[in-house]
PDB file of N, CA and C in Angstrom:
ATOM      1  N   MET A   1      93.410  95.232  85.216  1.00  0.00           N
ATOM      2  CA  MET A   1      94.264  96.167  85.775  1.00  0.00           C
ATOM      3  C   MET A   1      95.194  94.947  86.860  1.00  0.00           C
ATOM      4  N   ILE A   2      96.452  94.871  86.857  1.00  0.00           N
ATOM      5  CA  ILE A   2      97.091  94.358  87.692  1.00  0.00           C
ATOM      6  C   ILE A   2      97.606  94.861  88.450  1.00  0.00           C
ATOM      7  N   LEU A   3      97.750  94.392  90.018  1.00  0.00           N
ATOM      8  CA  LEU A   3      98.157  95.097  91.075  1.00  0.00           C
ATOM      9  C   LEU A   3      99.533  94.481  91.251  1.00  0.00           C
ATOM     10  N   ASP A   4     100.748  95.618  91.338  1.00  0.00           N
ATOM     11  CA  ASP A   4     101.865  95.238  91.907  1.00  0.00           C
ATOM     12  C   ASP A   4     101.872  94.617  93.417  1.00  0.00           C
ATOM     13  N   THR A   5     102.840  93.838  93.928  1.00  0.00           N
ATOM     14  CA  THR A   5     102.726  93.433  95.021  1.00  0.00           C
ATOM     15  C   THR A   5     102.650  94.440  96.106  1.00  0.00           C
ATOM     16  N   HIS A   6     103.422  95.623  96.129  1.00  0.00           N
ATOM     17  CA  HIS A   6     103.079  96.449  97.392  1.00  0.00           C
ATOM     18  C   HIS A   6     101.538  97.005  97.124  1.00  0.00           C
ATOM     19  N   ILE A   7     101.248  97.253  96.108  1.00  0.00           N
ATOM     20  CA  ILE A   7      99.912  97.749  96.051  1.00  0.00           C
ATOM     21  C   ILE A   7      98.986  96.806  96.615  1.00  0.00           C
ATOM     22  N   PHE A   8      99.217  95.467  96.219  1.00  0.00           N
ATOM     23  CA  PHE A   8      98.040  94.549  96.891  1.00  0.00           C
ATOM     24  C   PHE A   8      98.232  94.409  98.135  1.00  0.00           C
ATOM     25  N   LEU A   9      99.294  94.570  99.195  1.00  0.00           N
ATOM     26  CA  LEU A   9      99.349  94.278 100.459  1.00  0.00           C
ATOM     27  C   LEU A   9      99.022  95.857 100.933  1.00  0.00           C
ATOM     28  N   TRP A  10      99.286  97.016 100.374  1.00  0.00           N
ATOM     29  CA  TRP A  10      98.767  98.188 100.923  1.00  0.00           C
ATOM     30  C   TRP A  10      97.166  98.233 101.101  1.00  0.00           C
ATOM     31  N   TRP A  11      96.445  97.575  99.941  1.00  0.00           N
ATOM     32  CA  TRP A  11      94.818  97.548  99.909  1.00  0.00           C
ATOM     33  C   TRP A  11      94.648  96.565 100.799  1.00  0.00           C
ATOM     34  N   LEU A  12      95.060  95.477 101.185  1.00  0.00           N
ATOM     35  CA  LEU A  12      94.893  94.524 102.297  1.00  0.00           C
ATOM     36  C   LEU A  12      95.032  94.947 103.893  1.00  0.00           C
ATOM     37  N   PHE A  13      95.997  95.820 103.706  1.00  0.00           N
ATOM     38  CA  PHE A  13      96.518  96.488 105.210  1.00  0.00           C
ATOM     39  C   PHE A  13      96.000  97.972 105.317  1.00  0.00           C
ATOM     40  N   ASP A  14      94.906  98.408 104.234  1.00  0.00           N
ATOM     41  CA  ASP A  14      94.594  99.504 104.401  1.00  0.00           C
ATOM     42  C   ASP A  14      95.438 100.818 104.929  1.00  0.00           C
ATOM     43  N   ASP A  15      96.824 100.534 104.105  1.00  0.00           N
ATOM     44  CA  ASP A  15      98.090 101.270 104.166  1.00  0.00           C
ATOM     45  C   ASP A  15      97.864 102.598 103.681  1.00  0.00           C
ATOM     46  N   PRO A  16      98.182 103.791 104.236  1.00  0.00           N
ATOM     47  CA  PRO A  16      98.138 105.212 103.972  1.00  0.00           C
ATOM     48  C   PRO A  16      98.718 105.474 102.564  1.00  0.00           C
ATOM     49  N   LYS A  17     100.005 104.665 102.711  1.00  0.00           N
ATOM     50  CA  LYS A  17     101.042 104.746 101.443  1.00  0.00           C
ATOM     51  C   LYS A  17     100.177 104.284  99.798  1.00  0.00           C
ATOM     52  N   LEU A  18      99.165 103.646 100.029  1.00  0.00           N
ATOM     53  CA  LEU A  18      98.270 103.460  98.781  1.00  0.00           C
ATOM     54  C   LEU A  18      97.777 104.770  98.431  1.00  0.00           C
ATOM     55  N   PRO A  19      98.193 105.196  96.900  1.00  0.00           N
ATOM     56  CA  PRO A  19      97.520 106.436  96.423  1.00  0.00           C
ATOM     57  C   PRO A  19      96.151 106.302  96.305  1.00  0.00           C
ATOM     58  N   ARG A  20      95.756 107.493  96.517  1.00  0.00           N
ATOM     59  CA  ARG A  20      94.355 107.572  96.247  1.00  0.00           C
ATOM     60  C   ARG A  20      93.493 107.420  95.148  1.00  0.00           C
ATOM     61  N   GLN A  21      94.263 107.907  93.700  1.00  0.00           N
ATOM     62  CA  GLN A  21      93.780 107.480  92.677  1.00  0.00           C
ATOM     63  C   GLN A  21      93.734 105.872  92.421  1.00  0.00           C
ATOM     64  N   ILE A  22      94.560 105.017  92.998  1.00  0.00           N
ATOM     65  CA  ILE A  22      94.571 103.693  92.879  1.00  0.00           C
ATOM     66  C   ILE A  22      93.370 102.925  93.574  1.00  0.00           C
ATOM     67  N   GLU A  23      93.658 103.357  94.618  1.00  0.00           N
ATOM     68  CA  GLU A  23      92.556 103.020  95.766  1.00  0.00           C
ATOM     69  C   GLU A  23      91.238 103.198  95.213  1.00  0.00           C
ATOM     70  N   SER A  24      90.780 104.355  94.518  1.00  0.00           N
ATOM     71  CA  SER A  24      89.689 104.454  93.885  1.00  0.00           C
ATOM     72  C   SER A  24      89.239 103.627  92.781  1.00  0.00           C
ATOM     73  N   HIS A  25      90.436 103.474  91.983  1.00  0.00           N
ATOM     74  CA  HIS A  25      90.105 102.435  90.994  1.00  0.00           C
ATOM     75  C   HIS A  25      90.040 101.017  91.507  1.00  0.00           C
ATOM     76  N   ILE A  26      90.657 100.673  92.380  1.00  0.00           N
ATOM     77  CA  ILE A  26      90.593  99.244  92.917  1.00  0.00           C
ATOM     78  C   ILE A  26      88.830  98.923  93.698  1.00  0.00           C
ATOM     79  N   ALA A  27      88.529 100.183  94.360  1.00  0.00           N
ATOM     80  CA  ALA A  27      87.385 100.302  95.048  1.00  0.00           C
ATOM     81  C   ALA A  27      86.088 100.208  94.034  1.00  0.00           C
ATOM     82  N   ASP A  28      86.094 100.484  92.882  1.00  0.00           N
ATOM     83  CA  ASP A  28      85.315 100.514  92.167  1.00  0.00           C
ATOM     84  C   ASP A  28      85.111  98.972  91.294  1.00  0.00           C
ATOM     85  N   VAL A  29      83.837  98.317  91.805  1.00  0.00           N
ATOM     86  CA  VAL A  29      83.735  97.102  91.661  1.00  0.00           C
ATOM     87  C   VAL A  29      83.530  96.781  90.057  1.00  0.00           C
ATOM     88  N   LYS A  30      83.101  97.836  89.315  1.00  0.00           N
ATOM     89  CA  LYS A  30      83.457  97.465  87.972  1.00  0.00           C
ATOM     90  C   LYS A  30      84.581  97.267  87.140  1.00  0.00           C
ATOM     91  N   ASN A  31      85.688  97.444  87.705  1.00  0.00           N
ATOM     92  CA  ASN A  31      86.929  97.385  87.413  1.00  0.00           C
ATOM     93  C   ASN A  31      87.468  95.830  87.900  1.00  0.00           C
ATOM     94  N   PRO A  32      87.928  95.022  86.801  1.00  0.00           N
ATOM     95  CA  PRO A  32      88.443  93.710  87.251  1.00  0.00           C
ATOM     96  C   PRO A  32      89.835  93.960  87.855  1.00  0.00           C
ATOM     97  N   ILE A  33      90.335  93.373  88.999  1.00  0.00           N
ATOM     98  CA  ILE A  33      91.444  93.326  89.520  1.00  0.00           C
ATOM     99  C   ILE A  33      92.180  92.119  89.374  1.00  0.00           C
ATOM    100  N   TYR A  34      93.741  92.227  88.915  1.00  0.00           N
ATOM    101  CA  TYR A  34      94.266  90.446  89.093  1.00  0.00           C
ATOM    102  C   TYR A  34      95.573  90.690  89.779  1.00  0.00           C
ATOM    103  N   ILE A  35      95.699  89.488  90.152  1.00  0.00           N
ATOM    104  CA  ILE A  35      96.841  89.320  91.326  1.00  0.00           C
ATOM    105  C   ILE A  35      97.641  88.506  90.637  1.00  0.00           C
ATOM    106  N   SER A  36      98.907  88.575  90.150  1.00  0.00           N
ATOM    107  CA  SER A  36      99.693  87.914  89.712  1.00  0.00           C
ATOM    108  C   SER A  36     100.284  86.360  90.814  1.00  0.00           C
ATOM    109  N   ALA A  37     100.407  85.525  89.889  1.00  0.00           N
ATOM    110  CA  ALA A  37     101.269  84.189  90.452  1.00  0.00           C
ATOM    111  C   ALA A  37     102.556  84.902  91.293  1.00  0.00           C
ATOM    112  N   ALA A  38     103.187  85.678  90.882  1.00  0.00           N
ATOM    113  CA  ALA A  38     104.500  86.204  91.015  1.00  0.00           C
ATOM    114  C   ALA A  38     104.403  87.043  92.253  1.00  0.00           C
ATOM    115  N   SER A  39     103.281  87.927  92.447  1.00  0.00           N
ATOM    116  CA  SER A  39     103.067  88.234  93.572  1.00  0.00           C
ATOM    117  C   SER A  39     102.892  87.523  94.767  1.00  0.00           C
ATOM    118  N   VAL A  40     102.150  86.161  94.462  1.00  0.00           N
ATOM    119  CA  VAL A  40     102.039  85.248  95.454  1.00  0.00           C
ATOM    120  C   VAL A  40     103.366  84.625  95.666  1.00  0.00           C
ATOM    121  N   TRP A  41     104.327  84.680  94.899  1.00  0.00           N
ATOM    122  CA  TRP A  41     105.594  84.033  95.157  1.00  0.00           C
ATOM    123  C   TRP A  41     106.416  85.012  95.803  1.00  0.00           C
ATOM    124  N   GLU A  42     106.247  86.386  95.489  1.00  0.00           N
ATOM    125  CA  GLU A  42     106.935  87.350  95.981  1.00  0.00           C
ATOM    126  C   GLU A  42     106.835  87.443  97.452  1.00  0.00           C
ATOM    127  N   ILE A  43     105.335  87.331  97.880  1.00  0.00           N
ATOM    128  CA  ILE A  43     104.982  87.550  99.149  1.00  0.00           C
ATOM    129  C   ILE A  43     105.760  86.355 100.252  1.00  0.00           C
ATOM    130  N   ALA A  44     105.468  85.093  99.808  1.00  0.00           N
ATOM    131  CA  ALA A  44     105.805  83.613 100.222  1.00  0.00           C
ATOM    132  C   ALA A  44     107.372  83.950 100.339  1.00  0.00           C
ATOM    133  N   THR A  45     108.050  84.300  99.554  1.00  0.00           N
ATOM    134  CA  THR A  45     109.442  84.275  99.497  1.00  0.00           C
ATOM    135  C   THR A  45     109.817  85.477 100.625  1.00  0.00           C
ATOM    136  N   LYS A  46     109.491  86.827 100.390  1.00  0.00           N
ATOM    137  CA  LYS A  46     110.012  87.622 101.340  1.00  0.00           C
ATOM    138  C   LYS A  46     109.539  87.513 102.552  1.00  0.00           C
ATOM    139  N   TYR A  47     108.599  87.009 103.071  1.00  0.00           N
ATOM    140  CA  TYR A  47     107.972  86.599 104.340  1.00  0.00           C
ATOM    141  C   TYR A  47     108.851  85.453 104.763  1.00  0.00           C
ATOM    142  N   ARG A  48     109.073  84.593 104.161  1.00  0.00           N
ATOM    143  CA  ARG A  48     110.102  83.561 104.590  1.00  0.00           C
ATOM    144  C   ARG A  48     111.456  84.200 104.731  1.00  0.00           C
ATOM    145  N   LEU A  49     111.838  84.990 104.216  1.00  0.00           N
ATOM    146  CA  LEU A  49     113.231  85.721 104.491  1.00  0.00           C
ATOM    147  C   LEU A  49     113.280  86.672 105.352  1.00  0.00           C
ATOM    148  N   GLY A  50     112.014  86.939 106.288  1.00  0.00           N
ATOM    149  CA  GLY A  50     112.274  88.074 107.279  1.00  0.00           C
ATOM    150  C   GLY A  50     111.670  89.230 106.553  1.00  0.00           C
ATOM    151  N   LYS A  51     111.582  89.522 105.470  1.00  0.00           N
ATOM    152  CA  LYS A  51     111.474  90.940 104.816  1.00  0.00           C
ATOM    153  C   LYS A  51     110.300  91.501 104.742  1.00  0.00           C
ATOM    154  N   LEU A  52     109.063  90.353 104.883  1.00  0.00           N
ATOM    155  CA  LEU A  52     107.812  91.181 105.488  1.00  0.00           C
ATOM    156  C   LEU A  52     107.202  90.649 106.637  1.00  0.00           C
ATOM    157  N   PRO A  53     107.647  90.849 107.555  1.00  0.00           N
ATOM    158  CA  PRO A  53     107.102  90.267 109.259  1.00  0.00           C
ATOM    159  C   PRO A  53     105.782  90.545 109.463  1.00  0.00           C
ATOM    160  N   ASP A  54     105.480  91.690 108.647  1.00  0.00           N
ATOM    161  CA  ASP A  54     103.898  92.082 109.501  1.00  0.00           C
ATOM    162  C   ASP A  54     103.028  91.460 108.305  1.00  0.00           C
ATOM    163  N   ALA A  55     103.247  90.665 107.326  1.00  0.00           N
ATOM    164  CA  ALA A  55     102.140  90.047 106.429  1.00  0.00           C
ATOM    165  C   ALA A  55     102.107  88.764 106.843  1.00  0.00           C
ATOM    166  N   SER A  56     102.336  87.930 108.059  1.00  0.00           N
ATOM    167  CA  SER A  56     102.065  86.780 108.033  1.00  0.00           C
ATOM    168  C   SER A  56     100.997  86.054 107.847  1.00  0.00           C
ATOM    169  N   LYS A  57      99.593  86.425 108.201  1.00  0.00           N
ATOM    170  CA  LYS A  57      98.495  86.001 107.989  1.00  0.00           C
ATOM    171  C   LYS A  57      98.570  86.086 106.403  1.00  0.00           C
ATOM    172  N   VAL A  58      98.594  86.997 105.718  1.00  0.00           N
ATOM    173  CA  VAL A  58      98.446  86.620 104.046  1.00  0.00           C
ATOM    174  C   VAL A  58      99.640  85.753 103.859  1.00  0.00           C
ATOM    175  N   ALA A  59     100.877  85.909 104.517  1.00  0.00           N
ATOM    176  CA  ALA A  59     101.803  84.684 103.530  1.00  0.00           C
ATOM    177  C   ALA A  59     101.198  83.654 103.863  1.00  0.00           C
ATOM    178  N   GLU A  60     100.617  83.122 104.918  1.00  0.00           N
ATOM    179  CA  GLU A  60      99.999  81.592 105.188  1.00  0.00           C
ATOM    180  C   GLU A  60      99.092  81.366 104.164  1.00  0.00           C
ATOM    181  N   ASN A  61      98.355  82.202 103.445  1.00  0.00           N
ATOM    182  CA  ASN A  61      97.639  81.512 102.373  1.00  0.00           C
ATOM    183  C   ASN A  61      97.222  82.837 101.578  1.00  0.00           C
ATOM    184  N   VAL A  62      97.993  83.025 100.532  1.00  0.00           N
ATOM    185  CA  VAL A  62      97.872  84.242  99.756  1.00  0.00           C
ATOM    186  C   VAL A  62      96.590  84.186  98.591  1.00  0.00           C
ATOM    187  N   PRO A  63      96.568  82.910  97.905  1.00  0.00           N
ATOM    188  CA  PRO A  63      95.387  82.864  97.436  1.00  0.00           C
ATOM    189  C   PRO A  63      93.917  83.139  97.986  1.00  0.00           C
ATOM    190  N   GLU A  64      93.996  82.744  99.246  1.00  0.00           N
ATOM    191  CA  GLU A  64      92.712  83.140  99.914  1.00  0.00           C
ATOM    192  C   GLU A  64      92.358  84.490 100.022  1.00  0.00           C
ATOM    193  N   TRP A  65      93.591  84.929 100.392  1.00  0.00           N
ATOM    194  CA  TRP A  65      93.570  86.840 100.680  1.00  0.00           C
ATOM    195  C   TRP A  65      92.889  87.274  99.028  1.00  0.00           C
ATOM    196  N   ILE A  66      93.355  86.814  98.103  1.00  0.00           N
ATOM    197  CA  ILE A  66      93.368  87.334  96.771  1.00  0.00           C
ATOM    198  C   ILE A  66      91.487  87.157  96.693  1.00  0.00           C
ATOM    199  N   PHE A  67      90.885  85.867  96.954  1.00  0.00           N
ATOM    200  CA  PHE A  67      89.990  85.301  96.764  1.00  0.00           C
ATOM    201  C   PHE A  67      88.987  86.463  98.122  1.00  0.00           C
ATOM    202  N   LYS A  68      89.355  86.620  99.076  1.00  0.00           N
ATOM    203  CA  LYS A  68      88.519  87.535 100.121  1.00  0.00           C
ATOM    204  C   LYS A  68      88.673  89.096  99.488  1.00  0.00           C
ATOM    205  N   ALA A  69      89.626  89.244  98.888  1.00  0.00           N
ATOM    206  CA  ALA A  69      89.507  90.659  98.298  1.00  0.00           C
ATOM    207  C   ALA A  69      88.672  90.976  97.075  1.00  0.00           C
ATOM    208  N   GLY A  70      88.200  89.816  96.528  1.00  0.00           N
ATOM    209  CA  GLY A  70      87.302  89.723  95.080  1.00  0.00           C
ATOM    210  C   GLY A  70      88.205  90.353  94.127  1.00  0.00           C
ATOM    211  N   PHE A  71      89.510  89.697  93.956  1.00  0.00           N
ATOM    212  CA  PHE A  71      90.368  90.001  92.808  1.00  0.00           C
ATOM    213  C   PHE A  71      90.366  88.617  92.161  1.00  0.00           C
ATOM    214  N   GLN A  72      91.013  88.568  90.938  1.00  0.00           N
ATOM    215  CA  GLN A  72      91.311  87.457  90.133  1.00  0.00           C
ATOM    216  C   GLN A  72      92.768  86.942  90.276  1.00  0.00           C
ATOM    217  N   PRO A  73      92.983  85.716  90.330  1.00  0.00           N
ATOM    218  CA  PRO A  73      94.334  85.260  90.384  1.00  0.00           C
ATOM    219  C   PRO A  73      94.848  85.377  88.691  1.00  0.00           C
ATOM    220  N   LEU A  74      96.074  85.652  88.459  1.00  0.00           N
ATOM    221  CA  LEU A  74      96.495  85.690  87.127  1.00  0.00           C
ATOM    222  C   LEU A  74      97.725  84.531  86.781  1.00  0.00           C
ATOM    223  N   ALA A  75      97.688  83.715  86.353  1.00  0.00           N
ATOM    224  CA  ALA A  75      98.411  82.395  86.229  1.00  0.00           C
ATOM    225  C   ALA A  75      99.744  83.047  85.133  1.00  0.00           C
ATOM    226  N   ILE A  76     100.710  82.626  85.391  1.00  0.00           N
ATOM    227  CA  ILE A  76     102.236  82.500  84.742  1.00  0.00           C
ATOM    228  C   ILE A  76     102.048  81.632  83.610  1.00  0.00           C
ATOM    229  N   THR A  77     102.048  82.091  82.175  1.00  0.00           N
ATOM    230  CA  THR A  77     102.293  81.286  81.287  1.00  0.00           C
ATOM    231  C   THR A  77     103.582  81.102  80.453  1.00  0.00           C
ATOM    232  N   PRO A  78     103.750  80.440  79.770  1.00  0.00           N
ATOM    233  CA  PRO A  78     105.252  80.407  79.154  1.00  0.00           C
ATOM    234  C   PRO A  78     105.670  81.456  78.306  1.00  0.00           C
ATOM    235  N   GLU A  79     104.459  82.291  77.744  1.00  0.00           N
ATOM    236  CA  GLU A  79     104.705  83.313  76.921  1.00  0.00           C
ATOM    237  C   GLU A  79     105.138  84.723  78.038  1.00  0.00           C
ATOM    238  N   HIS A  80     104.610  84.511  79.120  1.00  0.00           N
ATOM    239  CA  HIS A  80     104.789  85.599  79.995  1.00  0.00           C
ATOM    240  C   HIS A  80     106.465  85.519  80.401  1.00  0.00           C
ATOM    241  N   ALA A  81     106.586  84.163  80.818  1.00  0.00           N
ATOM    242  CA  ALA A  81     107.953  83.491  81.354  1.00  0.00           C
ATOM    243  C   ALA A  81     109.132  83.936  80.113  1.00  0.00           C
ATOM    244  N   GLN A  82     108.668  83.661  78.903  1.00  0.00           N
ATOM    245  CA  GLN A  82     109.748  83.907  77.883  1.00  0.00           C
ATOM    246  C   GLN A  82     110.130  85.609  77.876  1.00  0.00           C
ATOM    247  N   LEU A  83     109.028  86.610  77.614  1.00  0.00           N
ATOM    248  CA  LEU A  83     109.302  87.807  77.753  1.00  0.00           C
ATOM    249  C   LEU A  83     109.870  88.318  78.974  1.00  0.00           C
ATOM    250  N   ALA A  84     109.754  87.751  80.131  1.00  0.00           N
ATOM    251  CA  ALA A  84     110.006  88.380  81.400  1.00  0.00           C
ATOM    252  C   ALA A  84     111.653  87.964  81.143  1.00  0.00           C
ATOM    253  N   GLY A  85     112.043  86.770  80.865  1.00  0.00           N
ATOM    254  CA  GLY A  85     113.429  86.470  80.941  1.00  0.00           C
ATOM    255  C   GLY A  85     114.273  86.716  79.841  1.00  0.00           C
ATOM    256  N   SER A  86     113.598  87.630  78.718  1.00  0.00           N
ATOM    257  CA  SER A  86     114.308  87.940  77.372  1.00  0.00           C
ATOM    258  C   SER A  86     114.301  89.469  77.152  1.00  0.00           C
ATOM    259  N   TRP A  87     113.611  90.087  77.821  1.00  0.00           N
ATOM    260  CA  TRP A  87     113.731  91.428  77.783  1.00  0.00           C
ATOM    261  C   TRP A  87     114.999  92.102  78.117  1.00  0.00           C
ATOM    262  N   LYS A  88     115.547  92.735  77.067  1.00  0.00           N
ATOM    263  CA  LYS A  88     116.907  93.578  77.226  1.00  0.00           C
ATOM    264  C   LYS A  88     116.585  94.662  78.044  1.00  0.00           C
ATOM    265  N   ASN A  89     116.513  94.458  79.215  1.00  0.00           N
ATOM    266  CA  ASN A  89     116.362  95.741  80.304  1.00  0.00           C
ATOM    267  C   ASN A  89     117.223  95.597  81.476  1.00  0.00           C
ATOM    268  N   VAL A  90     117.546  96.732  82.079  1.00  0.00           N
ATOM    269  CA  VAL A  90     118.516  96.464  83.078  1.00  0.00           C
ATOM    270  C   VAL A  90     117.766  96.294  84.552  1.00  0.00           C
ATOM    271  N   HIS A  91     116.434  96.538  84.427  1.00  0.00           N
ATOM    272  CA  HIS A  91     115.927  95.839  85.589  1.00  0.00           C
ATOM    273  C   HIS A  91     115.840  94.666  86.132  1.00  0.00           C
ATOM    274  N   ARG A  92     116.617  94.272  87.245  1.00  0.00           N
ATOM    275  CA  ARG A  92     116.871  92.963  87.423  1.00  0.00           C
ATOM    276  C   ARG A  92     115.684  91.748  88.292  1.00  0.00           C
ATOM    277  N   ASP A  93     115.135  92.565  88.929  1.00  0.00           N
ATOM    278  CA  ASP A  93     113.925  91.740  89.763  1.00  0.00           C
ATOM    279  C   ASP A  93     113.154  91.017  89.208  1.00  0.00           C
ATOM    280  N   PRO A  94     113.211  89.640  89.325  1.00  0.00           N
ATOM    281  CA  PRO A  94     112.435  88.764  88.609  1.00  0.00           C
ATOM    282  C   PRO A  94     111.096  88.837  88.918  1.00  0.00           C
ATOM    283  N   PHE A  95     110.513  89.234  90.008  1.00  0.00           N
ATOM    284  CA  PHE A  95     108.854  89.496  90.204  1.00  0.00           C
ATOM    285  C   PHE A  95     108.534  90.708  89.498  1.00  0.00           C
ATOM    286  N   ASP A  96     109.191  91.820  89.324  1.00  0.00           N
ATOM    287  CA  ASP A  96     108.804  93.241  88.650  1.00  0.00           C
ATOM    288  C   ASP A  96     108.720  92.749  87.129  1.00  0.00           C
ATOM    289  N   ARG A  97     109.881  91.846  86.784  1.00  0.00           N
ATOM    290  CA  ARG A  97     109.856  91.587  85.118  1.00  0.00           C
ATOM    291  C   ARG A  97     108.772  90.676  84.786  1.00  0.00           C
ATOM    292  N   MET A  98     108.328  89.873  85.719  1.00  0.00           N
ATOM    293  CA  MET A  98     107.174  89.238  85.386  1.00  0.00           C
ATOM    294  C   MET A  98     105.946  89.613  85.390  1.00  0.00           C
ATOM    295  N   LEU A  99     105.700  90.681  86.147  1.00  0.00           N
ATOM    296  CA  LEU A  99     104.384  91.520  86.522  1.00  0.00           C
ATOM    297  C   LEU A  99     104.418  92.525  85.104  1.00  0.00           C
ATOM    298  N   ALA A 100     105.789  93.090  84.845  1.00  0.00           N
ATOM    299  CA  ALA A 100     105.646  93.817  83.455  1.00  0.00           C
ATOM    300  C   ALA A 100     105.294  93.394  82.167  1.00  0.00           C
ATOM    301  N   ALA A 101     105.905  91.692  82.270  1.00  0.00           N
ATOM    302  CA  ALA A 101     105.527  91.087  81.057  1.00  0.00           C
ATOM    303  C   ALA A 101     104.162  90.552  81.243  1.00  0.00           C
ATOM    304  N   GLN A 102     103.328  90.266  81.881  1.00  0.00           N
ATOM    305  CA  GLN A 102     102.154  89.871  82.040  1.00  0.00           C
ATOM    306  C   GLN A 102     101.319  91.172  81.930  1.00  0.00           C
ATOM    307  N   SER A 103     101.634  92.238  82.387  1.00  0.00           N
ATOM    308  CA  SER A 103     101.056  93.495  81.837  1.00  0.00           C
ATOM    309  C   SER A 103     101.050  93.783  80.408  1.00  0.00           C
ATOM    310  N   LYS A 104     101.986  93.648  79.690  1.00  0.00           N
ATOM    311  CA  LYS A 104     102.295  93.753  78.359  1.00  0.00           C
ATOM    312  C   LYS A 104     101.494  92.892  77.352  1.00  0.00           C
ATOM    313  N   ILE A 105     101.755  91.450  77.692  1.00  0.00           N
ATOM    314  CA  ILE A 105     101.147  90.512  77.189  1.00  0.00           C
ATOM    315  C   ILE A 105      99.579  90.365  77.260  1.00  0.00           C
ATOM    316  N   GLU A 106      99.047  90.723  78.316  1.00  0.00           N
ATOM    317  CA  GLU A 106      97.644  90.905  78.445  1.00  0.00           C
ATOM    318  C   GLU A 106      96.875  91.956  78.300  1.00  0.00           C
ATOM    319  N   LYS A 107      97.735  92.990  77.865  1.00  0.00           N
ATOM    320  CA  LYS A 107      97.100  94.259  77.600  1.00  0.00           C
ATOM    321  C   LYS A 107      96.532  94.881  78.711  1.00  0.00           C
ATOM    322  N   MET A 108      96.951  94.728  79.878  1.00  0.00           N
ATOM    323  CA  MET A 108      96.451  95.337  81.139  1.00  0.00           C
ATOM    324  C   MET A 108      97.352  96.150  81.813  1.00  0.00           C
ATOM    325  N   ALA A 109      97.116  97.385  82.177  1.00  0.00           N
ATOM    326  CA  ALA A 109      97.852  98.349  83.334  1.00  0.00           C
ATOM    327  C   ALA A 109      98.397  97.703  84.060  1.00  0.00           C
ATOM    328  N   LEU A 110      99.420  98.006  84.800  1.00  0.00           N
ATOM    329  CA  LEU A 110      99.937  97.737  86.228  1.00  0.00           C
ATOM    330  C   LEU A 110      99.861  98.803  86.838  1.00  0.00           C
ATOM    331  N   ALA A 111      99.100  98.472  88.146  1.00  0.00           N
ATOM    332  CA  ALA A 111      99.103  99.648  89.245  1.00  0.00           C
ATOM    333  C   ALA A 111     100.592  99.515  90.125  1.00  0.00           C
ATOM    334  N   SER A 112     101.199 100.611  89.959  1.00  0.00           N
ATOM    335  CA  SER A 112     102.338 100.452  90.897  1.00  0.00           C
ATOM    336  C   SER A 112     102.909 102.180  90.933  1.00  0.00           C
ATOM    337  N   VAL A 113     103.548 102.279  92.015  1.00  0.00           N
ATOM    338  CA  VAL A 113     104.211 103.502  92.303  1.00  0.00           C
ATOM    339  C   VAL A 113     105.787 103.299  92.237  1.00  0.00           C
ATOM    340  N   ASP A 114     106.362 102.180  91.732  1.00  0.00           N
ATOM    341  CA  ASP A 114     107.787 101.930  91.486  1.00  0.00           C
ATOM    342  C   ASP A 114     108.256 102.579  90.172  1.00  0.00           C
ATOM    343  N   LYS A 115     108.988 103.714  90.357  1.00  0.00           N
ATOM    344  CA  LYS A 115     109.345 104.451  89.253  1.00  0.00           C
ATOM    345  C   LYS A 115     110.456 103.554  88.342  1.00  0.00           C
ATOM    346  N   ALA A 116     111.005 102.397  88.781  1.00  0.00           N
ATOM    347  CA  ALA A 116     111.871 101.583  88.095  1.00  0.00           C
ATOM    348  C   ALA A 116     111.078 101.097  87.172  1.00  0.00           C
ATOM    349  N   MET A 117     109.589 100.833  87.365  1.00  0.00           N
ATOM    350  CA  MET A 117     108.903 100.019  86.099  1.00  0.00           C
ATOM    351  C   MET A 117     108.737 100.627  85.112  1.00  0.00           C
ATOM    352  N   THR A 118     109.168 101.936  85.171  1.00  0.00           N
ATOM    353  CA  THR A 118     108.621 102.849  83.904  1.00  0.00           C
ATOM    354  C   THR A 118     109.855 102.466  82.906  1.00  0.00           C
ATOM    355  N   SER A 119     110.696 101.745  83.141  1.00  0.00           N
ATOM    356  CA  SER A 119     111.884 101.058  82.159  1.00  0.00           C
ATOM    357  C   SER A 119     111.249 100.230  81.159  1.00  0.00           C
ATOM    358  N   PHE A 120     110.047  99.511  81.691  1.00  0.00           N
ATOM    359  CA  PHE A 120     109.412  98.628  80.909  1.00  0.00           C
ATOM    360  C   PHE A 120     108.244  99.501  79.754  1.00  0.00           C
ATOM    361  N   PRO A 121     107.947  98.979  78.607  1.00  0.00           N
ATOM    362  CA  PRO A 121     107.308  99.329  77.731  1.00  0.00           C
ATOM    363  C   PRO A 121     105.544  99.101  78.131  1.00  0.00           C
ATOM    364  N   ILE A 122     105.275  99.312  79.067  1.00  0.00           N
ATOM    365  CA  ILE A 122     103.984  98.903  79.800  1.00  0.00           C
ATOM    366  C   ILE A 122     103.083 100.196  79.931  1.00  0.00           C
ATOM    367  N   ASP A 123     101.787  99.837  80.250  1.00  0.00           N
ATOM    368  CA  ASP A 123     100.927 101.309  80.836  1.00  0.00           C
ATOM    369  C   ASP A 123     100.864 100.977  82.035  1.00  0.00           C
ATOM    370  N   ILE A 124     101.722 101.990  82.971  1.00  0.00           N
ATOM    371  CA  ILE A 124     101.647 102.064  84.492  1.00  0.00           C
ATOM    372  C   ILE A 124     100.498 103.146  85.065  1.00  0.00           C
ATOM    373  N   PHE A 125      99.921 102.405  85.760  1.00  0.00           N
ATOM    374  CA  PHE A 125      98.761 103.477  86.531  1.00  0.00           C
ATOM    375  C   PHE A 125      99.123 103.790  87.945  1.00  0.00           C
ATOM    376  N   GLY A 126      99.511 104.994  88.220  1.00  0.00           N
ATOM    377  CA  GLY A 126      99.917 105.444  89.799  1.00  0.00           C
ATOM    378  C   GLY A 126     101.184 105.647  89.742  1.00  0.00           C
ATOM    379  N   VAL A 127     102.068 105.565  88.933  1.00  0.00           N
ATOM    380  CA  VAL A 127     103.609 105.635  89.248  1.00  0.00           C
ATOM    381  C   VAL A 127     104.061 107.094  89.544  1.00  0.00           C
ATOM    382  N   ASN A 128     102.879 108.120  88.864  1.00  0.00           N
ATOM    383  CA  ASN A 128     103.565 109.514  89.489  1.00  0.00           C
ATOM    384  C   ASN A 128     102.738 110.099  90.540  1.00  0.00           C
ATOM    385  N   GLY A 129     101.986 109.101  91.159  1.00  0.00           N
ATOM    386  CA  GLY A 129     101.363 109.440  92.797  1.00  0.00           C
ATOM    387  C   GLY A 129      99.776 109.104  92.412  1.00  0.00           C
TER     388      GLY A 129
END
C-alpha cells in the first residue's frame, strides 16, 4: 500500500483525522507500506510555501521519517512520470497524479480520504471513511 501525503503526516502526528481502518492496516507489521518520492517533494514544497507550518521537523528530513516509521520509499520512474503526465483526467494536482500513477503501475492500493482520487482508475483504500 502507498500512503498519500496526508495519511503519512496524520500517521506521524497521531492525528485523530486518520481513519481507524487505515490506521489498523498501517499498524499491522505484515503490511508493507510505501511512501512516494512525490510525497517527500510535496511535504518539502508545501512547508517551504508555509502551507504545512506544523511539519517543520518532518520537512527537514522526510527520508529519515520514512525510515523511522518503518516504511519503504518508492522512487519515481519514467513509467510513473509518463502515466501521471499523460492521463486524460481533470485532476490537476501533480502530486496526486503521481501517487495515482504509482498506485496503478505498481498494483498497490493508495490509502487516501481524498474523494477526488476516485477519478483515477486505481484501488483506493479508505476514501469512504
